Amino acid sequence: MTSTVRTAHPPYLTRDRLVRWGVEANERLTSSTALILLVLLAIEGVTVLRVHSLLTLHVFVGMLLIPPVLVKISSTTWRFARYYLGSPEYRHKGPPPTALRVTGPFVVLLTVALFASGVALLFAPTSWRGSLLQLHQASFIAWFILMAGHVLGHIGDVVRFSTKDWTRRTRGLVSGSRVRRLVITLSLLAGLALALLTVSHVGLWTHGA
């Protein structure tokens, strides 16, 4: 008489766990970056209220934001592409609510317009500044309206996933946490370098050079 010995697979090799890795890894990166952006954008929002007296800080934080914003756009674009290309794990996760799917591309486009016009204002010829300033202000208003809904729609995910790669108890449950932390850290360092390199142009801008 023979008996069949069943060997249990380690938890990290189960199909459900393997399927979850890609989706949750993306959610962790997106949510961690989103939390950092919320903090920096709150500071930037304060400078908007007194932009003339806080212009240097406004430019500094704006430049600091650019690399983390690019990380956020990349991670959300990755999820979008994987879902619509039929990736099983992303299909299983399901799409965001319809309103967020519809407004998402517009949020990205307005974000690009907002930051690109802001950077251009620092370096463009004086004769272009009136048009660029109008574009910057108009894109900010439209961006703020859409972003408010975007944040409200995703705040639950930010609360659930933003700190999981940064706490010892949960960071090892999904592979790649070290890489994700490194990506976020490097984006902040790149933003800091960019801010330090460009903030001196604020003085030139205010003097009409």
Protein backbone atom coordinates (compact mmCIF):
# COMPACT_ATOMS: atom_id res chain seq x y z
CA MET A 1 0.00 0.00 0.00
CA THR A 2 1.40 3.32 -1.01
CA SER A 3 0.56 6.69 0.30
CA THR A 4 0.74 10.02 -1.45
CA VAL A 5 2.70 12.63 0.35
CA ARG A 6 1.56 16.16 -0.42
CA THR A 7 4.13 18.85 -0.05
CA ALA A 8 2.63 22.20 0.77
CA HIS A 9 3.95 25.07 -1.26
CA PRO A 10 5.48 27.90 0.75
CA PRO A 11 3.05 30.79 1.06
CA TYR A 12 5.17 33.01 -1.16
CA LEU A 13 4.86 30.52 -4.04
CA THR A 14 1.10 30.22 -4.11
CA ARG A 15 -0.66 31.40 -7.25
CA ASP A 16 -2.72 34.01 -5.41
CA ARG A 17 0.42 35.48 -3.88
CA LEU A 18 2.24 35.58 -7.21
CA VAL A 19 -0.73 37.28 -8.86
CA ARG A 20 -0.93 39.81 -6.03
CA TRP A 21 2.73 40.76 -6.13
CA GLY A 22 2.62 42.80 -9.33
CA VAL A 23 -0.58 44.65 -8.47
CA GLU A 24 0.25 45.43 -4.86
CA ALA A 25 3.82 46.36 -5.70
CA ASN A 26 2.43 48.96 -8.09
CA GLU A 27 -0.11 50.13 -5.51
CA ARG A 28 2.59 50.53 -2.88
CA LEU A 29 4.81 52.60 -5.17
CA THR A 30 1.90 54.72 -6.37
CA SER A 31 0.50 55.31 -2.88
CA SER A 32 3.85 56.05 -1.24
CA THR A 33 4.64 58.58 -3.94
CA ALA A 34 1.15 60.05 -3.67
CA LEU A 35 1.55 60.62 0.06
CA ILE A 36 4.81 62.49 -0.47
CA LEU A 37 3.21 64.53 -3.24
CA LEU A 38 0.28 65.45 -1.01
CA VAL A 39 2.66 66.86 1.60
CA LEU A 40 4.72 68.80 -0.93
CA LEU A 41 1.65 70.05 -2.77
CA ALA A 42 0.19 71.30 0.51
CA ILE A 43 3.35 73.36 1.02
CA GLU A 44 3.15 74.56 -2.58
CA GLY A 45 -0.48 75.50 -2.01
CA VAL A 46 0.53 77.78 0.87
CA THR A 47 3.02 79.56 -1.39
CA VAL A 48 0.30 80.11 -4.01
CA LEU A 49 -1.66 82.17 -1.49
CA ARG A 50 1.28 84.58 -1.18
CA VAL A 51 3.19 83.83 -4.34
CA HIS A 52 4.83 87.26 -4.66
CA SER A 53 6.46 87.14 -1.24
CA LEU A 54 7.06 83.37 -1.36
CA LEU A 55 8.11 83.07 -4.99
CA THR A 56 11.49 81.55 -4.19
CA LEU A 57 9.90 78.84 -2.04
CA HIS A 58 7.21 78.35 -4.69
CA VAL A 59 9.82 77.67 -7.36
CA PHE A 60 11.96 75.53 -5.05
CA VAL A 61 9.08 73.22 -4.08
CA GLY A 62 7.79 73.16 -7.65
CA MET A 63 11.13 71.91 -8.94
CA LEU A 64 11.42 69.46 -6.06
CA LEU A 65 8.06 68.01 -7.09
CA ILE A 66 8.96 67.21 -10.69
CA PRO A 67 10.81 63.86 -10.28
CA PRO A 68 8.26 62.39 -7.79
CA VAL A 69 5.47 63.53 -10.12
CA LEU A 70 7.17 61.63 -12.95
CA VAL A 71 7.35 58.52 -10.76
CA LYS A 72 3.64 58.83 -9.98
CA ILE A 73 2.71 59.30 -13.64
CA SER A 74 4.87 56.31 -14.59
CA SER A 75 3.33 54.00 -11.99
CA THR A 76 -0.26 54.93 -12.86
CA THR A 77 0.45 54.68 -16.59
CA TRP A 78 1.91 51.22 -15.97
CA ARG A 79 -1.27 50.09 -14.24
CA PHE A 80 -3.40 51.60 -17.01
CA ALA A 81 -1.38 49.87 -19.73
CA ARG A 82 -1.28 46.50 -17.96
CA TYR A 83 -5.03 46.52 -17.42
CA TYR A 84 -5.95 47.42 -20.99
CA LEU A 85 -3.36 45.04 -22.44
CA GLY A 86 -5.16 42.22 -20.60
CA SER A 87 -2.69 41.36 -17.83
CA PRO A 88 -4.55 38.72 -15.73
CA GLU A 89 -3.55 40.11 -12.32
CA TYR A 90 -4.57 43.64 -13.23
CA ARG A 91 -7.80 42.38 -14.80
CA HIS A 92 -8.49 40.49 -11.59
CA LYS A 93 -7.89 43.65 -9.57
CA GLY A 94 -10.33 45.52 -11.80
CA PRO A 95 -10.32 49.08 -13.08
CA PRO A 96 -10.65 52.25 -10.99
CA PRO A 97 -14.11 53.82 -10.81
CA THR A 98 -15.33 55.17 -14.15
CA ALA A 99 -15.06 58.82 -13.12
CA LEU A 100 -11.40 58.37 -12.18
CA ARG A 101 -10.64 56.53 -15.42
CA VAL A 102 -12.22 59.32 -17.46
CA THR A 103 -10.51 62.18 -15.63
CA GLY A 104 -7.16 60.42 -15.13
CA PRO A 105 -5.67 61.28 -18.56
CA PHE A 106 -6.78 64.90 -18.17
CA VAL A 107 -5.11 65.07 -14.76
CA VAL A 108 -1.86 63.86 -16.36
CA LEU A 109 -2.10 66.34 -19.25
CA LEU A 110 -2.88 69.26 -16.93
CA THR A 111 -0.05 68.24 -14.60
CA VAL A 112 2.39 68.29 -17.50
CA ALA A 113 1.03 71.66 -18.67
CA LEU A 114 1.23 73.11 -15.18
CA PHE A 115 4.82 72.10 -14.49
CA ALA A 116 6.07 72.70 -18.05
CA SER A 117 4.65 76.24 -18.08
CA GLY A 118 6.12 76.89 -14.65
CA VAL A 119 9.59 75.80 -15.75
CA ALA A 120 9.26 77.76 -18.99
CA LEU A 121 8.44 80.90 -17.02
CA LEU A 122 11.88 80.77 -15.43
CA PHE A 123 13.82 80.52 -18.66
CA ALA A 124 11.65 81.93 -21.45
CA PRO A 125 12.27 85.38 -22.95
CA THR A 126 10.52 88.26 -21.20
CA SER A 127 8.18 88.74 -24.18
CA TRP A 128 6.73 85.24 -23.63
CA ARG A 129 6.01 85.64 -19.95
CA GLY A 130 2.51 87.09 -20.25
CA SER A 131 1.23 84.15 -22.32
CA LEU A 132 3.08 81.57 -20.23
CA LEU A 133 1.77 83.05 -17.00
CA GLN A 134 -1.80 82.86 -18.31
CA LEU A 135 -1.25 79.23 -19.31
CA HIS A 136 0.27 78.46 -15.91
CA GLN A 137 -2.61 80.04 -14.03
CA ALA A 138 -5.33 78.51 -16.23
CA SER A 139 -3.81 75.03 -16.05
CA PHE A 140 -3.52 75.37 -12.27
CA ILE A 141 -7.22 76.16 -11.88
CA ALA A 142 -8.33 73.26 -14.07
CA TRP A 143 -5.74 70.94 -12.50
CA PHE A 144 -6.82 71.84 -8.97
CA ILE A 145 -10.48 71.07 -9.71
CA LEU A 146 -9.72 67.67 -11.22
CA MET A 147 -7.02 66.87 -8.68
CA ALA A 148 -9.43 67.43 -5.79
CA GLY A 149 -11.68 64.67 -7.11
CA HIS A 150 -8.68 62.50 -7.95
CA VAL A 151 -7.34 62.72 -4.39
CA LEU A 152 -10.74 61.99 -2.84
CA GLY A 153 -11.15 58.98 -5.12
CA HIS A 154 -7.77 57.48 -4.20
CA ILE A 155 -7.37 58.52 -0.57
CA GLY A 156 -8.41 55.07 0.63
CA ASP A 157 -5.61 53.40 -1.34
CA VAL A 158 -3.11 55.95 -0.05
CA VAL A 159 -4.11 55.21 3.55
CA ARG A 160 -3.92 51.44 3.02
CA PHE A 161 -0.73 51.11 1.00
CA SER A 162 1.47 54.21 1.39
CA THR A 163 3.38 53.06 4.48
CA LYS A 164 3.60 49.33 3.80
CA ASP A 165 7.02 49.52 2.16
CA TRP A 166 8.35 51.61 5.05
CA THR A 167 7.33 49.53 8.08
CA ARG A 168 9.30 46.44 9.06
CA ARG A 169 6.19 44.33 9.66
CA THR A 170 4.77 44.66 6.15
CA ARG A 171 7.54 45.67 3.78
CA GLY A 172 8.74 42.09 3.22
CA LEU A 173 5.31 40.71 2.31
CA VAL A 174 5.62 41.92 -1.29
CA SER A 175 8.94 41.61 -3.10
CA GLY A 176 10.82 44.66 -4.30
CA SER A 177 10.20 46.99 -1.37
CA ARG A 178 13.86 48.01 -1.28
CA VAL A 179 13.80 48.95 -4.95
CA ARG A 180 10.60 50.95 -4.53
CA ARG A 181 12.00 52.82 -1.54
CA LEU A 182 15.16 53.52 -3.53
CA VAL A 183 13.16 54.86 -6.49
CA ILE A 184 11.23 57.25 -4.25
CA THR A 185 14.35 58.37 -2.38
CA LEU A 186 16.27 58.98 -5.60
CA SER A 187 13.35 60.96 -7.04
CA LEU A 188 13.40 63.24 -4.00
CA LEU A 189 17.17 63.66 -4.22
CA ALA A 190 16.89 64.43 -7.93
CA GLY A 191 14.16 66.94 -7.15
CA LEU A 192 16.31 68.56 -4.49
CA ALA A 193 19.24 68.84 -6.91
CA LEU A 194 16.96 70.30 -9.57
CA ALA A 195 15.54 72.81 -7.11
CA LEU A 196 18.98 73.93 -5.94
CA LEU A 197 20.21 74.31 -9.51
CA THR A 198 17.28 76.40 -10.70
CA VAL A 199 16.17 78.48 -7.71
CA SER A 200 18.78 81.14 -8.50
CA HIS A 201 16.81 82.01 -11.63
CA VAL A 202 14.04 83.44 -9.46
CA GLY A 203 16.12 86.57 -8.86
CA LEU A 204 16.76 86.99 -12.58
CA TRP A 205 13.05 86.52 -13.29
CA THR A 206 11.91 89.11 -10.75
CA HIS A 207 14.37 91.66 -12.13
CA GLY A 208 13.09 91.09 -15.66
CA ALA A 209 16.28 89.59 -17.03
